[in-house]
Amino acid sequence: MRILNRASIVVLLLLPLCFSAATGRPQSNHGGKIQTTYDGFTQETIVSLRKMRISCDGIKSTFKNACVSVSVSLHCPGVQASKVNNVSMQLMFETSAWDQRHALDQRGLIVVANNETLRVGQMKLINQAVNDSMTETLGIEFPYQTFKKMADAQFVEMQVGPTRFMLRNKNLDAFRDLDGRIVK
């Protein structure tokens, strides 16, 4: 049993190095932080793009004085990163306006990737905090092929209820870098 545990630890320590070498690309300048971890409870390898800002410019006149950020995780069964079971994504909305929360009937996520409309599904409330500003985190799980379409696209626009925003080039570069960590 000790040998198995030591072998697992060695594999987990070398796993991020293998993914970087497997892509054959230098690190990108997108500014996002990508990490690879193994969750022993769920027995899966998780390749994640940590929270990354999309915009703070006010979003398509529907979400003024607001910021939106994204985090994405690719869930791979076991100790490997060549097959993705599903993708989880969280969108974080921060605003000073208390009335800009997303009601239950305004949490449908629609993505337009290169003019293809993807009705991803209903997002769930993960967290809501009210301090000097209001922060709302919505999450959703969806198939890897949907994420792949977003990562391969030249432009991606998202809509959650009335809130619309476009991913910037640095966000798309981070999505591509995250997808590149999957050994194909």
N, C-alpha and C. Protein backbone atom coordinates (compact mmCIF):
# COMPACT_ATOMS: atom_id res chain seq x y z
N MET A 1 0.81 -1.19 0.00
CA MET A 1 0.00 0.00 0.00
C MET A 1 0.86 1.26 0.00
N ARG A 2 1.98 1.24 0.75
CA ARG A 2 2.87 2.40 0.78
C ARG A 2 3.45 2.68 -0.59
N ILE A 3 3.80 1.63 -1.32
CA ILE A 3 4.37 1.81 -2.66
C ILE A 3 3.35 2.49 -3.56
N LEU A 4 2.09 2.07 -3.48
CA LEU A 4 1.04 2.68 -4.29
C LEU A 4 0.88 4.14 -3.92
N ASN A 5 0.88 4.46 -2.65
CA ASN A 5 0.73 5.86 -2.23
C ASN A 5 1.91 6.70 -2.70
N ARG A 6 3.13 6.20 -2.57
CA ARG A 6 4.30 6.94 -3.03
C ARG A 6 4.26 7.12 -4.54
N ALA A 7 3.86 6.08 -5.25
CA ALA A 7 3.77 6.18 -6.72
C ALA A 7 2.73 7.22 -7.10
N SER A 8 1.61 7.24 -6.41
CA SER A 8 0.57 8.23 -6.70
C SER A 8 1.07 9.64 -6.46
N ILE A 9 1.81 9.82 -5.37
CA ILE A 9 2.34 11.15 -5.06
C ILE A 9 3.32 11.60 -6.13
N VAL A 10 4.19 10.71 -6.58
CA VAL A 10 5.15 11.04 -7.63
C VAL A 10 4.43 11.42 -8.91
N VAL A 11 3.41 10.66 -9.28
CA VAL A 11 2.64 10.95 -10.49
C VAL A 11 1.97 12.32 -10.37
N LEU A 12 1.40 12.61 -9.22
CA LEU A 12 0.72 13.88 -9.04
C LEU A 12 1.69 15.06 -9.07
N LEU A 13 2.88 14.88 -8.54
CA LEU A 13 3.86 15.96 -8.59
C LEU A 13 4.37 16.20 -9.99
N LEU A 14 4.46 15.16 -10.80
CA LEU A 14 4.97 15.30 -12.17
C LEU A 14 3.88 15.66 -13.17
N LEU A 15 2.62 15.49 -12.80
CA LEU A 15 1.50 15.72 -13.70
C LEU A 15 1.51 17.10 -14.35
N PRO A 16 1.66 18.21 -13.59
CA PRO A 16 1.69 19.52 -14.25
C PRO A 16 2.84 19.67 -15.24
N LEU A 17 3.99 19.09 -14.92
CA LEU A 17 5.13 19.18 -15.84
C LEU A 17 4.84 18.46 -17.14
N CYS A 18 4.17 17.32 -17.03
CA CYS A 18 3.83 16.55 -18.24
C CYS A 18 2.89 17.34 -19.13
N PHE A 19 1.91 18.04 -18.53
CA PHE A 19 0.95 18.79 -19.34
C PHE A 19 1.64 19.93 -20.07
N SER A 20 2.56 20.63 -19.41
CA SER A 20 3.27 21.73 -20.06
C SER A 20 4.12 21.20 -21.21
N ALA A 21 4.80 20.08 -20.99
CA ALA A 21 5.64 19.51 -22.04
C ALA A 21 4.80 18.94 -23.17
N ALA A 22 3.62 18.41 -22.83
CA ALA A 22 2.78 17.77 -23.84
C ALA A 22 2.23 18.78 -24.84
N THR A 23 2.00 20.02 -24.41
CA THR A 23 1.45 20.99 -25.33
C THR A 23 2.49 21.49 -26.31
N GLY A 24 3.78 21.46 -25.91
CA GLY A 24 4.84 21.90 -26.80
C GLY A 24 4.82 23.38 -27.08
N ARG A 25 4.12 24.16 -26.25
CA ARG A 25 4.01 25.59 -26.46
C ARG A 25 4.55 26.33 -25.25
N PRO A 26 5.12 27.49 -25.46
CA PRO A 26 5.54 28.30 -24.32
C PRO A 26 4.30 28.86 -23.62
N GLN A 27 4.46 29.27 -22.36
CA GLN A 27 3.35 29.87 -21.63
C GLN A 27 2.88 31.12 -22.38
N SER A 28 1.59 31.31 -22.40
CA SER A 28 1.00 32.45 -23.09
C SER A 28 0.99 33.67 -22.18
N ASN A 29 0.77 34.84 -22.77
CA ASN A 29 0.71 36.09 -22.02
C ASN A 29 -0.72 36.48 -21.68
N HIS A 30 -1.63 35.53 -21.58
CA HIS A 30 -3.03 35.86 -21.34
C HIS A 30 -3.28 36.36 -19.92
N GLY A 31 -2.39 36.09 -18.98
CA GLY A 31 -2.56 36.59 -17.62
C GLY A 31 -3.37 35.68 -16.71
N GLY A 32 -3.95 34.62 -17.25
CA GLY A 32 -4.71 33.69 -16.43
C GLY A 32 -3.79 32.70 -15.72
N LYS A 33 -4.29 32.14 -14.64
CA LYS A 33 -3.52 31.14 -13.90
C LYS A 33 -4.20 29.78 -14.07
N ILE A 34 -3.44 28.83 -14.61
CA ILE A 34 -3.96 27.49 -14.85
C ILE A 34 -3.24 26.53 -13.91
N GLN A 35 -4.01 25.68 -13.27
CA GLN A 35 -3.41 24.71 -12.35
C GLN A 35 -4.03 23.34 -12.57
N THR A 36 -3.26 22.31 -12.24
CA THR A 36 -3.72 20.93 -12.34
C THR A 36 -3.65 20.32 -10.95
N THR A 37 -4.75 19.72 -10.52
CA THR A 37 -4.80 19.07 -9.21
C THR A 37 -5.49 17.73 -9.34
N TYR A 38 -5.25 16.87 -8.37
CA TYR A 38 -5.95 15.58 -8.31
C TYR A 38 -6.80 15.59 -7.05
N ASP A 39 -8.08 15.26 -7.21
CA ASP A 39 -9.01 15.17 -6.09
C ASP A 39 -9.21 13.70 -5.75
N GLY A 40 -8.64 13.27 -4.64
CA GLY A 40 -8.73 11.87 -4.23
C GLY A 40 -10.12 11.44 -3.83
N PHE A 41 -10.97 12.38 -3.41
CA PHE A 41 -12.33 12.03 -3.02
C PHE A 41 -13.20 11.70 -4.22
N THR A 42 -13.08 12.53 -5.26
CA THR A 42 -13.87 12.28 -6.47
C THR A 42 -13.10 11.45 -7.48
N GLN A 43 -11.83 11.18 -7.19
CA GLN A 43 -10.94 10.41 -8.06
C GLN A 43 -10.91 10.96 -9.47
N GLU A 44 -10.59 12.26 -9.54
CA GLU A 44 -10.48 12.91 -10.84
C GLU A 44 -9.36 13.94 -10.84
N THR A 45 -8.81 14.16 -12.02
CA THR A 45 -7.82 15.20 -12.24
C THR A 45 -8.58 16.43 -12.72
N ILE A 46 -8.30 17.57 -12.12
CA ILE A 46 -9.01 18.80 -12.46
C ILE A 46 -7.99 19.81 -12.99
N VAL A 47 -8.20 20.24 -14.23
CA VAL A 47 -7.36 21.25 -14.86
C VAL A 47 -8.20 22.53 -14.87
N SER A 48 -7.71 23.57 -14.16
CA SER A 48 -8.55 24.75 -13.91
C SER A 48 -7.89 26.05 -14.34
N LEU A 49 -8.72 26.92 -14.91
CA LEU A 49 -8.38 28.32 -15.11
C LEU A 49 -8.98 29.04 -13.92
N ARG A 50 -8.13 29.62 -13.09
CA ARG A 50 -8.61 30.31 -11.90
C ARG A 50 -9.31 31.60 -12.30
N LYS A 51 -9.98 32.22 -11.36
CA LYS A 51 -10.77 33.43 -11.61
C LYS A 51 -9.98 34.43 -12.46
N MET A 52 -10.59 34.82 -13.57
CA MET A 52 -9.97 35.75 -14.52
C MET A 52 -10.99 36.81 -14.91
N ARG A 53 -10.59 38.05 -14.83
CA ARG A 53 -11.49 39.16 -15.16
C ARG A 53 -11.78 39.18 -16.66
N ILE A 54 -13.05 39.40 -16.98
CA ILE A 54 -13.46 39.57 -18.38
C ILE A 54 -13.56 41.05 -18.69
N SER A 55 -14.34 41.77 -17.86
CA SER A 55 -14.56 43.18 -18.14
C SER A 55 -15.02 43.92 -16.90
N CYS A 56 -14.70 45.19 -16.84
CA CYS A 56 -15.22 46.10 -15.81
C CYS A 56 -15.72 47.37 -16.48
N ASP A 57 -16.02 47.31 -17.74
CA ASP A 57 -16.35 48.50 -18.52
C ASP A 57 -17.84 48.82 -18.57
N GLY A 58 -18.65 48.08 -17.83
CA GLY A 58 -20.08 48.17 -18.08
C GLY A 58 -20.32 47.28 -19.28
N ILE A 59 -21.32 46.48 -19.22
CA ILE A 59 -21.44 45.38 -20.16
C ILE A 59 -22.67 45.57 -21.05
N LYS A 60 -22.43 45.93 -22.30
CA LYS A 60 -23.50 46.04 -23.30
C LYS A 60 -24.72 46.79 -22.77
N SER A 61 -24.51 47.83 -22.00
CA SER A 61 -25.55 48.71 -21.46
C SER A 61 -26.59 47.99 -20.61
N THR A 62 -26.33 46.75 -20.23
CA THR A 62 -27.30 46.04 -19.39
C THR A 62 -26.79 45.82 -17.98
N PHE A 63 -25.53 46.11 -17.72
CA PHE A 63 -24.94 45.81 -16.42
C PHE A 63 -23.91 46.90 -16.14
N LYS A 64 -24.38 48.11 -15.84
CA LYS A 64 -23.51 49.28 -15.66
C LYS A 64 -22.75 49.20 -14.34
N ASN A 65 -21.58 49.87 -14.32
CA ASN A 65 -20.74 49.93 -13.13
C ASN A 65 -20.52 48.54 -12.54
N ALA A 66 -20.14 47.62 -13.39
CA ALA A 66 -20.04 46.23 -12.98
C ALA A 66 -18.79 45.58 -13.53
N CYS A 67 -18.39 44.50 -12.87
CA CYS A 67 -17.28 43.67 -13.35
C CYS A 67 -17.79 42.24 -13.49
N VAL A 68 -17.26 41.53 -14.45
CA VAL A 68 -17.58 40.12 -14.61
C VAL A 68 -16.26 39.36 -14.77
N SER A 69 -16.19 38.20 -14.09
CA SER A 69 -15.02 37.33 -14.15
C SER A 69 -15.47 35.91 -14.42
N VAL A 70 -14.53 35.05 -14.82
CA VAL A 70 -14.85 33.67 -15.16
C VAL A 70 -13.80 32.74 -14.55
N SER A 71 -14.22 31.55 -14.19
CA SER A 71 -13.30 30.46 -13.87
C SER A 71 -13.87 29.20 -14.51
N VAL A 72 -12.97 28.34 -15.01
CA VAL A 72 -13.37 27.13 -15.73
C VAL A 72 -12.54 25.96 -15.24
N SER A 73 -13.18 24.80 -15.06
CA SER A 73 -12.47 23.59 -14.68
C SER A 73 -12.86 22.45 -15.60
N LEU A 74 -11.84 21.71 -16.07
CA LEU A 74 -12.04 20.51 -16.88
C LEU A 74 -11.86 19.31 -15.95
N HIS A 75 -12.85 18.44 -15.89
CA HIS A 75 -12.83 17.30 -14.97
C HIS A 75 -12.52 16.01 -15.74
N CYS A 76 -11.37 15.40 -15.41
CA CYS A 76 -10.90 14.19 -16.08
C CYS A 76 -10.92 13.03 -15.08
N PRO A 77 -11.52 11.89 -15.45
CA PRO A 77 -11.58 10.77 -14.50
C PRO A 77 -10.19 10.18 -14.24
N GLY A 78 -9.91 9.86 -12.97
CA GLY A 78 -8.65 9.22 -12.62
C GLY A 78 -7.47 10.17 -12.67
N VAL A 79 -6.27 9.58 -12.75
CA VAL A 79 -5.03 10.36 -12.79
C VAL A 79 -4.60 10.44 -14.25
N GLN A 80 -5.27 11.26 -15.03
CA GLN A 80 -4.95 11.44 -16.44
C GLN A 80 -5.60 12.74 -16.91
N ALA A 81 -5.16 13.22 -18.03
CA ALA A 81 -5.75 14.42 -18.61
C ALA A 81 -5.86 14.26 -20.12
N SER A 82 -6.43 13.14 -20.53
CA SER A 82 -6.63 12.93 -21.96
C SER A 82 -8.11 12.76 -22.29
N LYS A 83 -8.93 12.52 -21.31
CA LYS A 83 -10.37 12.39 -21.50
C LYS A 83 -11.07 13.27 -20.48
N VAL A 84 -11.90 14.19 -20.95
CA VAL A 84 -12.62 15.10 -20.07
C VAL A 84 -14.06 14.61 -19.94
N ASN A 85 -14.48 14.40 -18.69
CA ASN A 85 -15.87 13.99 -18.45
C ASN A 85 -16.84 15.15 -18.63
N ASN A 86 -16.53 16.28 -17.99
CA ASN A 86 -17.40 17.44 -18.09
C ASN A 86 -16.61 18.70 -17.73
N VAL A 87 -17.24 19.83 -17.93
CA VAL A 87 -16.65 21.13 -17.67
C VAL A 87 -17.54 21.87 -16.69
N SER A 88 -16.93 22.53 -15.72
CA SER A 88 -17.71 23.40 -14.84
C SER A 88 -17.19 24.82 -15.02
N MET A 89 -18.11 25.75 -15.05
CA MET A 89 -17.76 27.15 -15.24
C MET A 89 -18.51 27.99 -14.22
N GLN A 90 -17.81 28.98 -13.69
CA GLN A 90 -18.44 29.94 -12.79
C GLN A 90 -18.25 31.34 -13.36
N LEU A 91 -19.31 32.12 -13.30
CA LEU A 91 -19.27 33.53 -13.67
C LEU A 91 -19.51 34.33 -12.41
N MET A 92 -18.63 35.31 -12.14
CA MET A 92 -18.75 36.15 -10.97
C MET A 92 -19.11 37.57 -11.42
N PHE A 93 -20.21 38.08 -10.91
CA PHE A 93 -20.69 39.41 -11.24
C PHE A 93 -20.54 40.28 -10.00
N GLU A 94 -19.89 41.43 -10.16
CA GLU A 94 -19.71 42.35 -9.03
C GLU A 94 -20.22 43.72 -9.46
N THR A 95 -21.10 44.30 -8.64
CA THR A 95 -21.70 45.58 -8.99
C THR A 95 -22.02 46.36 -7.72
N SER A 96 -22.18 47.65 -7.88
CA SER A 96 -22.59 48.49 -6.75
C SER A 96 -24.10 48.63 -6.71
N ALA A 97 -24.78 48.18 -7.75
CA ALA A 97 -26.24 48.27 -7.83
C ALA A 97 -26.87 46.99 -7.32
N TRP A 98 -27.62 47.10 -6.26
CA TRP A 98 -28.22 45.93 -5.62
C TRP A 98 -29.30 45.28 -6.48
N ASP A 99 -29.86 46.02 -7.41
CA ASP A 99 -30.99 45.50 -8.20
C ASP A 99 -30.51 44.75 -9.45
N GLN A 100 -29.22 44.49 -9.57
CA GLN A 100 -28.73 43.83 -10.77
C GLN A 100 -28.39 42.36 -10.53
N ARG A 101 -29.01 41.76 -9.54
CA ARG A 101 -28.83 40.32 -9.33
C ARG A 101 -29.63 39.56 -10.39
N HIS A 102 -29.25 38.31 -10.59
CA HIS A 102 -29.94 37.48 -11.59
C HIS A 102 -30.99 36.62 -10.88
N ALA A 103 -32.23 36.94 -11.14
CA ALA A 103 -33.33 36.16 -10.55
C ALA A 103 -33.31 34.74 -11.13
N LEU A 104 -34.01 33.84 -10.48
CA LEU A 104 -34.02 32.43 -10.89
C LEU A 104 -34.37 32.26 -12.37
N ASP A 105 -35.32 33.05 -12.86
CA ASP A 105 -35.73 32.92 -14.26
C ASP A 105 -34.82 33.69 -15.22
N GLN A 106 -33.73 34.29 -14.70
CA GLN A 106 -32.79 35.05 -15.53
C GLN A 106 -31.39 34.46 -15.45
N ARG A 107 -31.30 33.15 -15.33
CA ARG A 107 -29.99 32.50 -15.19
C ARG A 107 -29.66 31.56 -16.34
N GLY A 108 -30.39 31.65 -17.41
CA GLY A 108 -30.09 30.82 -18.58
C GLY A 108 -28.82 31.33 -19.27
N LEU A 109 -27.87 30.43 -19.52
CA LEU A 109 -26.62 30.80 -20.18
C LEU A 109 -26.70 30.47 -21.66
N ILE A 110 -26.52 31.50 -22.48
CA ILE A 110 -26.46 31.34 -23.93
C ILE A 110 -25.09 31.83 -24.37
N VAL A 111 -24.42 31.06 -25.21
CA VAL A 111 -23.09 31.41 -25.72
C VAL A 111 -23.17 31.47 -27.23
N VAL A 112 -22.60 32.52 -27.82
CA VAL A 112 -22.46 32.61 -29.27
C VAL A 112 -20.97 32.50 -29.56
N ALA A 113 -20.59 31.41 -30.23
CA ALA A 113 -19.19 31.17 -30.59
C ALA A 113 -19.10 31.11 -32.11
N ASN A 114 -18.44 32.11 -32.70
CA ASN A 114 -18.33 32.19 -34.17
C ASN A 114 -19.69 32.06 -34.85
N ASN A 115 -20.65 32.81 -34.38
CA ASN A 115 -22.00 32.86 -34.94
C ASN A 115 -22.82 31.60 -34.72
N GLU A 116 -22.33 30.65 -33.92
CA GLU A 116 -23.12 29.48 -33.56
C GLU A 116 -23.68 29.70 -32.16
N THR A 117 -25.00 29.65 -32.03
CA THR A 117 -25.66 29.85 -30.75
C THR A 117 -25.73 28.53 -29.99
N LEU A 118 -25.19 28.55 -28.76
CA LEU A 118 -25.18 27.37 -27.90
C LEU A 118 -26.01 27.68 -26.66
N ARG A 119 -27.12 27.01 -26.51
CA ARG A 119 -27.96 27.18 -25.31
C ARG A 119 -27.42 26.20 -24.28
N VAL A 120 -26.55 26.71 -23.43
CA VAL A 120 -25.78 25.86 -22.52
C VAL A 120 -26.65 25.33 -21.39
N GLY A 121 -27.50 26.15 -20.81
CA GLY A 121 -28.39 25.66 -19.75
C GLY A 121 -28.59 26.69 -18.65
N GLN A 122 -29.24 26.25 -17.59
CA GLN A 122 -29.60 27.09 -16.46
C GLN A 122 -28.45 27.10 -15.44
N MET A 123 -27.97 28.29 -15.12
CA MET A 123 -26.91 28.42 -14.12
C MET A 123 -27.52 28.38 -12.72
N LYS A 124 -26.71 27.91 -11.76
CA LYS A 124 -27.16 27.82 -10.37
C LYS A 124 -26.42 28.86 -9.54
N LEU A 125 -27.12 29.37 -8.53
CA LEU A 125 -26.49 30.32 -7.62
C LEU A 125 -25.51 29.57 -6.73
N ILE A 126 -24.24 29.97 -6.77
CA ILE A 126 -23.19 29.37 -5.95
C ILE A 126 -22.98 30.20 -4.69
N ASN A 127 -22.95 31.52 -4.86
CA ASN A 127 -22.69 32.39 -3.73
C ASN A 127 -23.23 33.78 -4.04
N GLN A 128 -23.65 34.48 -2.97
CA GLN A 128 -24.09 35.86 -3.10
C GLN A 128 -23.65 36.59 -1.84
N ALA A 129 -22.89 37.64 -2.01
CA ALA A 129 -22.38 38.40 -0.88
C ALA A 129 -22.68 39.88 -1.08
N VAL A 130 -23.06 40.53 0.00
CA VAL A 130 -23.36 41.95 -0.06
C VAL A 130 -22.51 42.65 0.99
N ASN A 131 -21.56 43.46 0.54
CA ASN A 131 -20.74 44.30 1.40
C ASN A 131 -20.87 45.71 0.87
N ASP A 132 -19.76 46.34 0.52
CA ASP A 132 -19.82 47.64 -0.15
C ASP A 132 -20.37 47.48 -1.55
N SER A 133 -20.18 46.30 -2.12
CA SER A 133 -20.72 45.97 -3.43
C SER A 133 -21.44 44.64 -3.33
N MET A 134 -22.16 44.30 -4.35
CA MET A 134 -22.88 43.03 -4.40
C MET A 134 -22.12 42.10 -5.33
N THR A 135 -21.79 40.91 -4.86
CA THR A 135 -21.09 39.92 -5.67
C THR A 135 -21.97 38.68 -5.78
N GLU A 136 -22.16 38.24 -7.00
CA GLU A 136 -22.99 37.06 -7.25
C GLU A 136 -22.17 36.08 -8.09
N THR A 137 -22.13 34.82 -7.67
CA THR A 137 -21.42 33.78 -8.41
C THR A 137 -22.43 32.75 -8.89
N LEU A 138 -22.47 32.55 -10.20
CA LEU A 138 -23.35 31.56 -10.82
C LEU A 138 -22.48 30.47 -11.44
N GLY A 139 -22.92 29.22 -11.35
CA GLY A 139 -22.15 28.11 -11.90
C GLY A 139 -22.98 27.18 -12.76
N ILE A 140 -22.29 26.44 -13.62
CA ILE A 140 -22.97 25.49 -14.51
C ILE A 140 -21.97 24.41 -14.92
N GLU A 141 -22.47 23.21 -15.19
CA GLU A 141 -21.68 22.13 -15.77
C GLU A 141 -22.23 21.83 -17.15
N PHE A 142 -21.32 21.52 -18.09
CA PHE A 142 -21.74 21.23 -19.45
C PHE A 142 -20.71 20.32 -20.11
N PRO A 143 -21.05 19.77 -21.28
CA PRO A 143 -20.14 18.84 -21.97
C PRO A 143 -18.87 19.53 -22.47
N TYR A 144 -17.81 18.75 -22.55
CA TYR A 144 -16.51 19.24 -23.02
C TYR A 144 -16.61 19.80 -24.44
N GLN A 145 -17.42 19.20 -25.31
CA GLN A 145 -17.53 19.67 -26.70
C GLN A 145 -18.02 21.11 -26.77
N THR A 146 -18.86 21.52 -25.83
CA THR A 146 -19.32 22.91 -25.80
C THR A 146 -18.15 23.83 -25.47
N PHE A 147 -17.36 23.44 -24.48
CA PHE A 147 -16.17 24.23 -24.14
C PHE A 147 -15.20 24.29 -25.31
N LYS A 148 -15.02 23.17 -25.99
CA LYS A 148 -14.11 23.08 -27.13
C LYS A 148 -14.52 24.08 -28.22
N LYS A 149 -15.82 24.22 -28.45
CA LYS A 149 -16.30 25.19 -29.44
C LYS A 149 -15.95 26.61 -29.01
N MET A 150 -16.06 26.89 -27.71
CA MET A 150 -15.72 28.23 -27.21
C MET A 150 -14.22 28.47 -27.34
N ALA A 151 -13.40 27.48 -26.96
CA ALA A 151 -11.95 27.64 -27.01
C ALA A 151 -11.43 27.79 -28.44
N ASP A 152 -12.09 27.15 -29.40
CA ASP A 152 -11.66 27.21 -30.79
C ASP A 152 -12.19 28.43 -31.55
N ALA A 153 -13.09 29.18 -30.93
CA ALA A 153 -13.75 30.29 -31.62
C ALA A 153 -12.86 31.52 -31.70
N GLN A 154 -13.10 32.35 -32.70
CA GLN A 154 -12.41 33.64 -32.84
C GLN A 154 -13.05 34.70 -31.97
N PHE A 155 -14.35 34.57 -31.71
CA PHE A 155 -15.03 35.47 -30.78
C PHE A 155 -16.12 34.68 -30.06
N VAL A 156 -16.34 35.07 -28.81
CA VAL A 156 -17.35 34.43 -27.97
C VAL A 156 -18.10 35.51 -27.22
N GLU A 157 -19.42 35.47 -27.33
CA GLU A 157 -20.28 36.37 -26.57
C GLU A 157 -21.15 35.51 -25.67
N MET A 158 -21.36 35.97 -24.43
CA MET A 158 -22.18 35.23 -23.48
C MET A 158 -23.33 36.10 -23.01
N GLN A 159 -24.42 35.42 -22.67
CA GLN A 159 -25.57 36.12 -22.11
C GLN A 159 -26.14 35.28 -20.98
N VAL A 160 -26.31 35.93 -19.83
CA VAL A 160 -26.99 35.33 -18.68
C VAL A 160 -28.15 36.25 -18.37
N GLY A 161 -29.37 35.78 -18.65
CA GLY A 161 -30.53 36.65 -18.50
C GLY A 161 -30.33 37.89 -19.35
N PRO A 162 -30.47 39.10 -18.77
CA PRO A 162 -30.30 40.32 -19.56
C PRO A 162 -28.84 40.77 -19.69
N THR A 163 -27.92 40.11 -19.01
CA THR A 163 -26.52 40.53 -18.99
C THR A 163 -25.75 39.91 -20.15
N ARG A 164 -25.19 40.77 -21.02
CA ARG A 164 -24.43 40.30 -22.19
C ARG A 164 -23.02 40.85 -22.13
N PHE A 165 -22.04 40.00 -22.53
CA PHE A 165 -20.66 40.43 -22.55
C PHE A 165 -19.88 39.55 -23.51
N MET A 166 -18.76 40.10 -24.00
CA MET A 166 -17.88 39.35 -24.90
C MET A 166 -16.61 38.98 -24.16
N LEU A 167 -16.09 37.78 -24.45
CA LEU A 167 -14.79 37.41 -23.94
C LEU A 167 -13.75 38.19 -24.72
N ARG A 168 -12.72 38.65 -24.04
CA ARG A 168 -11.64 39.38 -24.69
C ARG A 168 -10.64 38.38 -25.25
N ASN A 169 -9.71 38.88 -26.06
CA ASN A 169 -8.69 37.99 -26.65
C ASN A 169 -7.90 37.26 -25.58
N LYS A 170 -7.57 37.94 -24.49
CA LYS A 170 -6.81 37.28 -23.43
C LYS A 170 -7.62 36.16 -22.78
N ASN A 171 -8.94 36.32 -22.69
CA ASN A 171 -9.79 35.25 -22.15
C ASN A 171 -9.81 34.06 -23.09
N LEU A 172 -9.94 34.34 -24.38
CA LEU A 172 -9.95 33.26 -25.37
C LEU A 172 -8.60 32.55 -25.40
N ASP A 173 -7.50 33.32 -25.27
CA ASP A 173 -6.17 32.70 -25.20
C ASP A 173 -6.05 31.79 -23.99
N ALA A 174 -6.61 32.22 -22.86
CA ALA A 174 -6.58 31.39 -21.65
C ALA A 174 -7.42 30.12 -21.84
N PHE A 175 -8.58 30.23 -22.50
CA PHE A 175 -9.40 29.04 -22.80
C PHE A 175 -8.61 28.07 -23.68
N ARG A 176 -7.92 28.61 -24.70
CA ARG A 176 -7.13 27.75 -25.59
C ARG A 176 -5.98 27.10 -24.85
N ASP A 177 -5.33 27.85 -23.96
CA ASP A 177 -4.24 27.30 -23.16
C ASP A 177 -4.77 26.19 -22.25
N LEU A 178 -5.91 26.43 -21.62
CA LEU A 178 -6.53 25.41 -20.76
C LEU A 178 -6.84 24.16 -21.56
N ASP A 179 -7.43 24.33 -22.75
CA ASP A 179 -7.76 23.19 -23.60
C ASP A 179 -6.49 22.48 -24.07
N GLY A 180 -5.42 23.23 -24.27
CA GLY A 180 -4.15 22.65 -24.70
C GLY A 180 -3.50 21.78 -23.64
N ARG A 181 -3.93 21.90 -22.40
CA ARG A 181 -3.38 21.06 -21.31
C ARG A 181 -3.94 19.65 -21.37
N ILE A 182 -4.99 19.44 -22.16
CA ILE A 182 -5.56 18.10 -22.33
C ILE A 182 -4.74 17.38 -23.38
N VAL A 183 -4.20 16.22 -23.00
CA VAL A 183 -3.35 15.44 -23.91
C VAL A 183 -4.26 14.77 -24.93
N LYS A 184 -3.98 15.03 -26.21
CA LYS A 184 -4.85 14.47 -27.25
C LYS A 184 -4.15 13.39 -28.02
